[in-house]
């Protein structure tokens, strides 16, 4: 919008914010003496990730999500399905991912299998050449990959946070 600068300044003054904050030019939220200052950053939502059967992994930035700047994430994905409900991740939630190629056993990670992405708890046993991708819903079986099947699997990163709507 083309709002005159003097009007932006007056409106910002009435609301107790900076003109830059009002216009979305900076990510600092309101600042009061008795409230912890919150700073936000924007992360690209690069598509959907399956919480069920794997779905095609797309890397188009459909939009952005604002997140507290202390969350160490690189990008985010929108959850689809119900296989991770035991971890409180539901269909439509935004999952924040820190890009890394390996995660510790038991971590939840975004994993690409033959160009299809899924969100699962990861258990990797290099001595046995075995990877188990475990859902957090008992109606789904773990996905097990052995030997040469591992060549077509890539860990995109570790799930570090999620954002859910109040139902």
N, C-alpha and C. Protein backbone atom coordinates (compact mmCIF):
# COMPACT_ATOMS: atom_id res chain seq x y z
N UNK A 1 0.84 -1.18 0.00
CA UNK A 1 0.00 0.00 0.00
C UNK A 1 0.88 1.24 0.00
N UNK A 2 0.41 2.27 -0.62
CA UNK A 2 1.14 3.54 -0.69
C UNK A 2 0.60 4.49 0.38
N UNK A 3 1.03 4.31 1.60
CA UNK A 3 0.61 5.16 2.71
C UNK A 3 1.69 6.20 2.91
N UNK A 4 1.31 7.47 3.02
CA UNK A 4 2.31 8.51 3.24
C UNK A 4 3.10 8.25 4.53
N UNK A 5 4.38 8.57 4.48
CA UNK A 5 5.29 8.29 5.59
C UNK A 5 4.83 8.94 6.89
N UNK A 6 4.31 10.18 6.82
CA UNK A 6 3.88 10.85 8.04
C UNK A 6 2.69 10.15 8.69
N UNK A 7 1.82 9.56 7.90
CA UNK A 7 0.68 8.81 8.44
C UNK A 7 1.15 7.51 9.09
N UNK A 8 2.14 6.85 8.51
CA UNK A 8 2.71 5.64 9.10
C UNK A 8 3.31 5.95 10.45
N UNK A 9 4.05 7.08 10.54
CA UNK A 9 4.67 7.47 11.80
C UNK A 9 3.63 7.74 12.88
N UNK A 10 2.55 8.46 12.53
CA UNK A 10 1.50 8.77 13.51
C UNK A 10 0.80 7.50 13.98
N UNK A 11 0.47 6.62 13.06
CA UNK A 11 -0.19 5.37 13.42
C UNK A 11 0.71 4.51 14.30
N UNK A 12 1.98 4.44 13.97
CA UNK A 12 2.94 3.67 14.77
C UNK A 12 3.04 4.24 16.17
N UNK A 13 3.04 5.57 16.28
CA UNK A 13 3.12 6.22 17.59
C UNK A 13 1.91 5.87 18.44
N UNK A 14 0.72 5.89 17.85
CA UNK A 14 -0.51 5.55 18.57
C UNK A 14 -0.49 4.09 19.04
N UNK A 15 0.03 3.22 18.22
CA UNK A 15 0.07 1.79 18.55
C UNK A 15 1.27 1.42 19.42
N UNK A 16 2.21 2.33 19.61
CA UNK A 16 3.37 2.05 20.45
C UNK A 16 4.38 1.13 19.81
N UNK A 17 4.48 1.20 18.48
CA UNK A 17 5.46 0.39 17.75
C UNK A 17 6.28 1.30 16.85
N UNK A 18 7.34 0.74 16.26
CA UNK A 18 8.13 1.53 15.32
C UNK A 18 7.45 1.50 13.95
N UNK A 19 7.67 2.53 13.14
CA UNK A 19 7.11 2.49 11.78
C UNK A 19 7.57 1.25 11.00
N UNK A 20 8.84 0.87 11.17
CA UNK A 20 9.35 -0.31 10.46
C UNK A 20 8.63 -1.57 10.90
N UNK A 21 8.35 -1.69 12.19
CA UNK A 21 7.63 -2.86 12.68
C UNK A 21 6.20 -2.87 12.15
N UNK A 22 5.54 -1.73 12.16
CA UNK A 22 4.18 -1.61 11.66
C UNK A 22 4.08 -2.06 10.20
N UNK A 23 5.06 -1.69 9.41
CA UNK A 23 5.04 -2.00 7.98
C UNK A 23 5.61 -3.39 7.66
N UNK A 24 6.10 -4.08 8.69
CA UNK A 24 6.65 -5.42 8.46
C UNK A 24 8.07 -5.40 7.93
N UNK A 25 8.75 -4.28 8.07
CA UNK A 25 10.12 -4.18 7.58
C UNK A 25 11.11 -4.76 8.56
N UNK A 26 10.72 -4.89 9.82
CA UNK A 26 11.58 -5.54 10.81
C UNK A 26 10.72 -6.55 11.54
N UNK A 27 11.35 -7.54 12.11
CA UNK A 27 10.61 -8.63 12.72
C UNK A 27 10.49 -8.52 14.24
N UNK A 28 10.98 -7.42 14.84
CA UNK A 28 10.83 -7.26 16.29
C UNK A 28 9.37 -6.99 16.60
N UNK A 29 8.86 -7.68 17.61
CA UNK A 29 7.49 -7.47 18.06
C UNK A 29 7.53 -6.44 19.19
N UNK A 30 6.42 -6.05 19.67
CA UNK A 30 6.29 -5.00 20.67
C UNK A 30 7.35 -5.11 21.77
N UNK A 31 7.76 -3.96 22.30
CA UNK A 31 8.78 -3.91 23.33
C UNK A 31 8.24 -3.19 24.56
N UNK A 32 8.12 -3.91 25.66
CA UNK A 32 7.68 -3.35 26.94
C UNK A 32 8.69 -3.76 28.00
N UNK A 33 8.79 -2.97 29.06
CA UNK A 33 9.75 -3.25 30.13
C UNK A 33 9.47 -4.56 30.84
N UNK A 34 8.22 -4.95 30.99
CA UNK A 34 7.87 -6.14 31.76
C UNK A 34 7.59 -7.38 30.91
N UNK A 35 7.90 -7.31 29.64
CA UNK A 35 7.67 -8.45 28.74
C UNK A 35 8.97 -8.78 28.01
N UNK A 36 9.25 -10.07 27.89
CA UNK A 36 10.44 -10.50 27.16
C UNK A 36 10.29 -10.12 25.70
N UNK A 37 11.32 -9.53 25.16
CA UNK A 37 11.31 -9.12 23.76
C UNK A 37 11.34 -10.36 22.86
N UNK A 38 10.47 -10.38 21.88
CA UNK A 38 10.40 -11.50 20.94
C UNK A 38 10.89 -11.00 19.59
N UNK A 39 11.83 -11.71 19.02
CA UNK A 39 12.24 -11.41 17.66
C UNK A 39 11.86 -12.60 16.80
N UNK A 40 11.44 -12.31 15.61
CA UNK A 40 10.98 -13.37 14.71
C UNK A 40 11.80 -13.36 13.44
N UNK A 41 11.79 -14.51 12.78
CA UNK A 41 12.40 -14.61 11.46
C UNK A 41 11.42 -15.35 10.57
N UNK A 42 11.60 -15.19 9.28
CA UNK A 42 10.74 -15.87 8.32
C UNK A 42 11.48 -17.05 7.72
N UNK A 43 10.79 -18.20 7.64
CA UNK A 43 11.36 -19.39 7.02
C UNK A 43 10.47 -19.82 5.87
N UNK A 44 11.06 -20.27 4.77
CA UNK A 44 10.23 -20.71 3.64
C UNK A 44 9.53 -22.02 3.96
N UNK A 45 8.25 -22.11 3.59
CA UNK A 45 7.53 -23.38 3.62
C UNK A 45 7.76 -23.98 2.24
N UNK A 46 8.54 -25.06 2.18
CA UNK A 46 8.94 -25.56 0.85
C UNK A 46 8.02 -26.65 0.32
N UNK A 47 6.90 -26.89 0.97
CA UNK A 47 5.94 -27.86 0.46
C UNK A 47 5.36 -28.70 1.57
N UNK A 48 4.84 -29.85 1.17
CA UNK A 48 4.19 -30.76 2.10
C UNK A 48 5.09 -31.94 2.42
N UNK A 49 4.91 -32.50 3.61
CA UNK A 49 5.63 -33.71 3.96
C UNK A 49 4.62 -34.70 4.53
N UNK A 50 4.74 -35.95 4.11
CA UNK A 50 3.78 -36.96 4.51
C UNK A 50 3.97 -37.38 5.95
N UNK A 51 2.86 -37.48 6.64
CA UNK A 51 2.80 -38.13 7.94
C UNK A 51 1.85 -39.31 7.71
N UNK A 52 2.34 -40.25 6.97
CA UNK A 52 1.59 -41.41 6.48
C UNK A 52 2.43 -41.98 5.36
N UNK A 53 1.82 -42.22 4.22
CA UNK A 53 2.57 -42.70 3.06
C UNK A 53 3.40 -41.56 2.50
N UNK A 54 4.63 -41.84 2.04
CA UNK A 54 5.47 -40.77 1.47
C UNK A 54 4.78 -40.09 0.30
N UNK A 55 5.00 -38.79 0.15
CA UNK A 55 4.45 -38.02 -0.96
C UNK A 55 5.59 -37.36 -1.72
N UNK A 56 5.31 -36.96 -2.94
CA UNK A 56 6.33 -36.35 -3.79
C UNK A 56 6.93 -35.13 -3.11
N UNK A 57 8.25 -35.05 -3.11
CA UNK A 57 8.96 -33.94 -2.47
C UNK A 57 9.09 -32.79 -3.46
N UNK A 58 8.46 -31.68 -3.15
CA UNK A 58 8.59 -30.50 -3.99
C UNK A 58 9.41 -29.47 -3.25
N UNK A 59 10.11 -28.63 -3.99
CA UNK A 59 10.94 -27.63 -3.34
C UNK A 59 10.54 -26.23 -3.76
N UNK A 60 9.26 -26.03 -4.05
CA UNK A 60 8.79 -24.70 -4.37
C UNK A 60 8.42 -24.01 -3.07
N UNK A 61 8.78 -22.75 -2.94
CA UNK A 61 8.43 -22.00 -1.74
C UNK A 61 7.02 -21.50 -1.90
N UNK A 62 6.06 -22.17 -1.22
CA UNK A 62 4.67 -21.75 -1.37
C UNK A 62 4.36 -20.52 -0.53
N UNK A 63 5.06 -20.36 0.58
CA UNK A 63 4.86 -19.20 1.45
C UNK A 63 5.93 -19.21 2.52
N UNK A 64 5.75 -18.35 3.50
CA UNK A 64 6.70 -18.26 4.59
C UNK A 64 5.97 -18.36 5.91
N UNK A 65 6.67 -18.83 6.93
CA UNK A 65 6.12 -18.89 8.28
C UNK A 65 7.03 -18.08 9.19
N UNK A 66 6.42 -17.33 10.10
CA UNK A 66 7.18 -16.57 11.08
C UNK A 66 7.42 -17.46 12.29
N UNK A 67 8.65 -17.43 12.80
CA UNK A 67 9.01 -18.27 13.93
C UNK A 67 9.92 -17.45 14.85
N UNK A 68 9.87 -17.76 16.14
CA UNK A 68 10.74 -17.10 17.10
C UNK A 68 12.18 -17.32 16.66
N UNK A 69 13.00 -16.28 16.71
CA UNK A 69 14.36 -16.37 16.19
C UNK A 69 15.26 -17.33 16.97
N UNK A 70 14.84 -17.78 18.16
CA UNK A 70 15.68 -18.73 18.88
C UNK A 70 15.48 -20.17 18.41
N UNK A 71 14.54 -20.41 17.49
CA UNK A 71 14.37 -21.75 16.92
C UNK A 71 15.36 -21.90 15.78
N UNK A 72 16.25 -22.88 15.91
CA UNK A 72 17.32 -23.10 14.95
C UNK A 72 16.82 -23.98 13.80
N UNK A 73 16.11 -23.37 12.87
CA UNK A 73 15.55 -24.10 11.73
C UNK A 73 15.97 -23.42 10.44
N UNK A 74 15.98 -24.19 9.35
CA UNK A 74 16.38 -23.70 8.04
C UNK A 74 15.17 -23.46 7.14
N UNK A 75 14.17 -24.35 7.25
CA UNK A 75 12.97 -24.27 6.43
C UNK A 75 11.85 -25.00 7.16
N UNK A 76 10.67 -24.97 6.60
CA UNK A 76 9.57 -25.70 7.21
C UNK A 76 8.72 -26.37 6.13
N UNK A 77 7.96 -27.35 6.59
CA UNK A 77 7.10 -28.16 5.73
C UNK A 77 5.73 -28.26 6.38
N UNK A 78 4.70 -28.44 5.58
CA UNK A 78 3.35 -28.63 6.10
C UNK A 78 3.07 -30.13 6.19
N UNK A 79 2.69 -30.59 7.40
CA UNK A 79 2.41 -32.01 7.63
C UNK A 79 1.11 -32.42 6.95
N UNK A 80 1.12 -33.60 6.37
CA UNK A 80 -0.07 -34.18 5.75
C UNK A 80 -0.23 -35.61 6.28
N UNK A 81 -1.39 -35.92 6.83
CA UNK A 81 -1.65 -37.27 7.32
C UNK A 81 -1.61 -37.34 8.83
N UNK A 82 -1.71 -38.57 9.35
CA UNK A 82 -1.86 -38.76 10.80
C UNK A 82 -0.85 -39.72 11.41
N UNK A 83 0.24 -40.03 10.72
CA UNK A 83 1.18 -41.02 11.26
C UNK A 83 2.05 -40.50 12.39
N UNK A 84 2.04 -39.18 12.64
CA UNK A 84 2.90 -38.62 13.69
C UNK A 84 2.10 -37.99 14.83
N UNK A 85 0.85 -38.39 14.97
CA UNK A 85 -0.01 -37.80 16.01
C UNK A 85 0.49 -38.12 17.42
N UNK A 86 1.18 -39.23 17.61
CA UNK A 86 1.74 -39.55 18.92
C UNK A 86 2.82 -38.57 19.34
N UNK A 87 3.39 -37.86 18.39
CA UNK A 87 4.38 -36.81 18.67
C UNK A 87 3.71 -35.43 18.64
N UNK A 88 2.37 -35.43 18.65
CA UNK A 88 1.54 -34.21 18.65
C UNK A 88 1.66 -33.43 17.34
N UNK A 89 2.08 -34.09 16.26
CA UNK A 89 2.15 -33.45 14.94
C UNK A 89 0.96 -33.95 14.14
N UNK A 90 0.08 -33.01 13.77
CA UNK A 90 -1.17 -33.36 13.11
C UNK A 90 -1.22 -32.81 11.69
N UNK A 91 -2.18 -33.31 10.93
CA UNK A 91 -2.39 -32.87 9.56
C UNK A 91 -2.55 -31.35 9.52
N UNK A 92 -1.77 -30.69 8.68
CA UNK A 92 -1.84 -29.24 8.53
C UNK A 92 -0.85 -28.47 9.38
N UNK A 93 -0.21 -29.13 10.35
CA UNK A 93 0.78 -28.44 11.19
C UNK A 93 1.99 -28.04 10.35
N UNK A 94 2.66 -26.98 10.79
CA UNK A 94 3.91 -26.55 10.17
C UNK A 94 5.05 -27.16 11.00
N UNK A 95 5.94 -27.90 10.34
CA UNK A 95 7.07 -28.53 11.02
C UNK A 95 8.34 -27.80 10.61
N UNK A 96 9.09 -27.31 11.60
CA UNK A 96 10.31 -26.56 11.36
C UNK A 96 11.49 -27.53 11.35
N UNK A 97 12.28 -27.47 10.29
CA UNK A 97 13.36 -28.42 10.04
C UNK A 97 14.70 -27.69 10.03
N UNK A 98 15.67 -28.25 10.78
CA UNK A 98 17.06 -27.77 10.70
C UNK A 98 17.76 -28.69 9.72
N UNK A 99 18.25 -28.13 8.64
CA UNK A 99 18.89 -28.92 7.60
C UNK A 99 20.15 -29.60 8.15
N UNK A 100 20.19 -30.92 8.04
CA UNK A 100 21.37 -31.71 8.41
C UNK A 100 21.19 -33.09 7.78
N UNK A 101 22.31 -33.71 7.41
CA UNK A 101 22.25 -34.96 6.66
C UNK A 101 22.18 -36.20 7.53
N UNK A 102 22.34 -36.05 8.84
CA UNK A 102 22.25 -37.19 9.75
C UNK A 102 21.61 -36.72 11.05
N UNK A 103 20.86 -37.60 11.69
CA UNK A 103 20.25 -37.28 12.99
C UNK A 103 20.53 -38.44 13.95
N UNK A 104 20.45 -38.16 15.23
CA UNK A 104 20.61 -39.21 16.24
C UNK A 104 19.41 -40.13 16.23
N UNK A 105 19.64 -41.38 16.61
CA UNK A 105 18.54 -42.33 16.71
C UNK A 105 17.48 -41.79 17.66
N UNK A 106 16.23 -41.91 17.23
CA UNK A 106 15.11 -41.45 18.03
C UNK A 106 14.65 -40.05 17.68
N UNK A 107 15.44 -39.31 16.88
CA UNK A 107 15.01 -37.98 16.44
C UNK A 107 13.97 -38.09 15.34
N UNK A 108 13.11 -37.10 15.26
CA UNK A 108 12.15 -37.02 14.16
C UNK A 108 12.82 -36.23 13.04
N UNK A 109 12.72 -36.75 11.82
CA UNK A 109 13.40 -36.11 10.70
C UNK A 109 12.54 -36.13 9.44
N UNK A 110 12.83 -35.17 8.55
CA UNK A 110 12.28 -35.16 7.21
C UNK A 110 13.22 -36.02 6.36
N UNK A 111 12.66 -37.04 5.73
CA UNK A 111 13.46 -38.00 4.97
C UNK A 111 12.89 -38.11 3.56
N UNK A 112 13.79 -38.11 2.56
CA UNK A 112 13.38 -38.30 1.17
C UNK A 112 13.75 -39.71 0.75
N UNK A 113 12.75 -40.42 0.22
CA UNK A 113 12.93 -41.79 -0.29
C UNK A 113 12.50 -41.77 -1.75
N UNK A 114 13.45 -41.94 -2.66
CA UNK A 114 13.13 -41.93 -4.10
C UNK A 114 12.27 -40.73 -4.48
N UNK A 115 12.67 -39.53 -4.12
CA UNK A 115 11.97 -38.29 -4.45
C UNK A 115 10.63 -38.12 -3.75
N UNK A 116 10.35 -38.94 -2.74
CA UNK A 116 9.15 -38.78 -1.94
C UNK A 116 9.57 -38.47 -0.51
N UNK A 117 8.88 -37.54 0.12
CA UNK A 117 9.28 -37.09 1.46
C UNK A 117 8.32 -37.61 2.52
N UNK A 118 8.89 -37.93 3.68
CA UNK A 118 8.09 -38.36 4.81
C UNK A 118 8.71 -37.84 6.10
N UNK A 119 7.91 -37.71 7.13
CA UNK A 119 8.36 -37.28 8.44
C UNK A 119 8.22 -38.48 9.38
N UNK A 120 9.32 -38.95 9.93
CA UNK A 120 9.30 -40.13 10.79
C UNK A 120 10.39 -40.03 11.84
N UNK A 121 10.27 -40.87 12.86
CA UNK A 121 11.33 -41.03 13.86
C UNK A 121 12.37 -41.97 13.24
N UNK A 122 13.65 -41.60 13.31
CA UNK A 122 14.72 -42.30 12.59
C UNK A 122 15.54 -43.16 13.53
N UNK A 123 15.81 -44.40 13.07
CA UNK A 123 16.72 -45.31 13.77
C UNK A 123 17.65 -45.90 12.71
N UNK A 124 18.93 -45.56 12.78
CA UNK A 124 19.90 -46.01 11.79
C UNK A 124 20.94 -46.88 12.47
N UNK A 125 21.19 -48.07 11.88
CA UNK A 125 22.16 -49.03 12.40
C UNK A 125 23.19 -49.31 11.31
N UNK A 126 24.28 -48.52 11.26
CA UNK A 126 25.24 -48.64 10.16
C UNK A 126 25.94 -50.00 10.12
N UNK A 127 26.20 -50.61 11.27
CA UNK A 127 26.87 -51.92 11.28
C UNK A 127 26.00 -52.98 10.62
N UNK A 128 24.70 -52.83 10.71
CA UNK A 128 23.77 -53.78 10.09
C UNK A 128 23.29 -53.29 8.73
N UNK A 129 23.64 -52.06 8.36
CA UNK A 129 23.16 -51.49 7.10
C UNK A 129 21.64 -51.40 7.08
N UNK A 130 21.06 -50.92 8.19
CA UNK A 130 19.60 -50.90 8.31
C UNK A 130 19.12 -49.54 8.81
N UNK A 131 18.03 -49.07 8.21
CA UNK A 131 17.38 -47.84 8.60
C UNK A 131 15.91 -48.14 8.87
N UNK A 132 15.42 -47.70 10.02
CA UNK A 132 14.01 -47.86 10.36
C UNK A 132 13.41 -46.47 10.51
N UNK A 133 12.35 -46.23 9.77
CA UNK A 133 11.60 -44.98 9.88
C UNK A 133 10.29 -45.32 10.57
N UNK A 134 10.17 -44.83 11.79
CA UNK A 134 9.07 -45.25 12.64
C UNK A 134 8.01 -44.16 12.79
N UNK A 135 6.74 -44.50 12.53
CA UNK A 135 5.67 -43.53 12.74
C UNK A 135 5.35 -43.39 14.23
N UNK A 136 4.57 -42.40 14.57
CA UNK A 136 4.11 -42.19 15.94
C UNK A 136 2.60 -42.40 15.99
N UNK A 137 2.16 -43.46 15.35
CA UNK A 137 0.75 -43.84 15.36
C UNK A 137 0.72 -45.36 15.15
N UNK A 138 0.15 -46.12 16.10
CA UNK A 138 0.20 -47.58 16.02
C UNK A 138 -0.53 -48.19 14.82
N UNK A 139 -1.34 -47.42 14.11
CA UNK A 139 -2.00 -48.00 12.94
C UNK A 139 -1.09 -48.07 11.71
N UNK A 140 0.13 -47.50 11.83
CA UNK A 140 1.11 -47.56 10.74
C UNK A 140 2.30 -48.39 11.16
N UNK A 141 2.80 -49.22 10.25
CA UNK A 141 3.98 -50.04 10.51
C UNK A 141 5.25 -49.24 10.23
N UNK A 142 6.34 -49.56 10.92
CA UNK A 142 7.63 -48.93 10.60
C UNK A 142 8.05 -49.27 9.17
N UNK A 143 8.81 -48.38 8.57
CA UNK A 143 9.36 -48.60 7.24
C UNK A 143 10.81 -49.00 7.44
N UNK A 144 11.20 -50.16 6.90
CA UNK A 144 12.54 -50.70 7.11
C UNK A 144 13.26 -50.76 5.77
N UNK A 145 14.51 -50.24 5.76
CA UNK A 145 15.34 -50.24 4.55
C UNK A 145 16.67 -50.88 4.90
N UNK A 146 17.12 -51.78 4.01
CA UNK A 146 18.34 -52.55 4.27
C UNK A 146 19.24 -52.51 3.04
N UNK A 147 20.56 -52.48 3.30
CA UNK A 147 21.57 -52.61 2.24
C UNK A 147 21.45 -51.56 1.17
N UNK A 148 21.36 -52.03 -0.09
CA UNK A 148 21.36 -51.12 -1.23
C UNK A 148 20.13 -50.21 -1.27
N UNK A 149 19.06 -50.54 -0.55
CA UNK A 149 17.88 -49.68 -0.49
C UNK A 149 18.22 -48.31 0.13
N UNK A 150 19.27 -48.28 0.94
CA UNK A 150 19.68 -47.04 1.60
C UNK A 150 20.22 -46.01 0.62
N UNK A 151 20.64 -46.46 -0.57
CA UNK A 151 21.21 -45.55 -1.56
C UNK A 151 20.20 -44.51 -2.05
N UNK A 152 18.92 -44.83 -1.94
CA UNK A 152 17.87 -43.94 -2.44
C UNK A 152 17.21 -43.13 -1.33
N UNK A 153 17.88 -43.05 -0.17
CA UNK A 153 17.31 -42.35 0.97
C UNK A 153 18.24 -41.22 1.39
N UNK A 154 17.63 -40.07 1.68
CA UNK A 154 18.41 -38.90 2.11
C UNK A 154 17.66 -38.21 3.25
N UNK A 155 18.37 -37.94 4.33
CA UNK A 155 17.79 -37.17 5.42
C UNK A 155 17.93 -35.70 5.09
N UNK A 156 16.80 -34.99 5.05
CA UNK A 156 16.82 -33.55 4.79
C UNK A 156 17.21 -32.78 6.04
N UNK A 157 16.70 -33.22 7.18
CA UNK A 157 17.01 -32.52 8.40
C UNK A 157 16.16 -32.97 9.57
N UNK A 158 16.52 -32.43 10.71
CA UNK A 158 15.89 -32.78 11.97
C UNK A 158 14.70 -31.84 12.24
N UNK A 159 13.59 -32.42 12.67
CA UNK A 159 12.45 -31.62 13.10
C UNK A 159 12.79 -31.01 14.46
N UNK A 160 12.75 -29.68 14.55
CA UNK A 160 13.14 -29.01 15.79
C UNK A 160 11.96 -28.34 16.49
N UNK A 161 10.86 -28.14 15.78
CA UNK A 161 9.68 -27.51 16.37
C UNK A 161 8.51 -27.71 15.42
N UNK A 162 7.32 -27.46 15.93
CA UNK A 162 6.17 -27.46 15.05
C UNK A 162 5.19 -26.39 15.53
N UNK A 163 4.32 -25.99 14.62
CA UNK A 163 3.32 -24.97 14.91
C UNK A 163 1.97 -25.58 14.57
N UNK A 164 1.09 -25.59 15.54
CA UNK A 164 -0.19 -26.23 15.37
C UNK A 164 -1.31 -25.23 15.59
N UNK A 165 -2.41 -25.43 14.91
CA UNK A 165 -3.57 -24.59 15.13
C UNK A 165 -4.36 -25.12 16.31
N UNK A 166 -4.99 -24.25 17.04
CA UNK A 166 -5.85 -24.67 18.13
C UNK A 166 -7.16 -25.11 17.51
N UNK A 167 -7.57 -26.31 17.88
CA UNK A 167 -8.79 -26.88 17.28
C UNK A 167 -10.01 -26.46 18.07
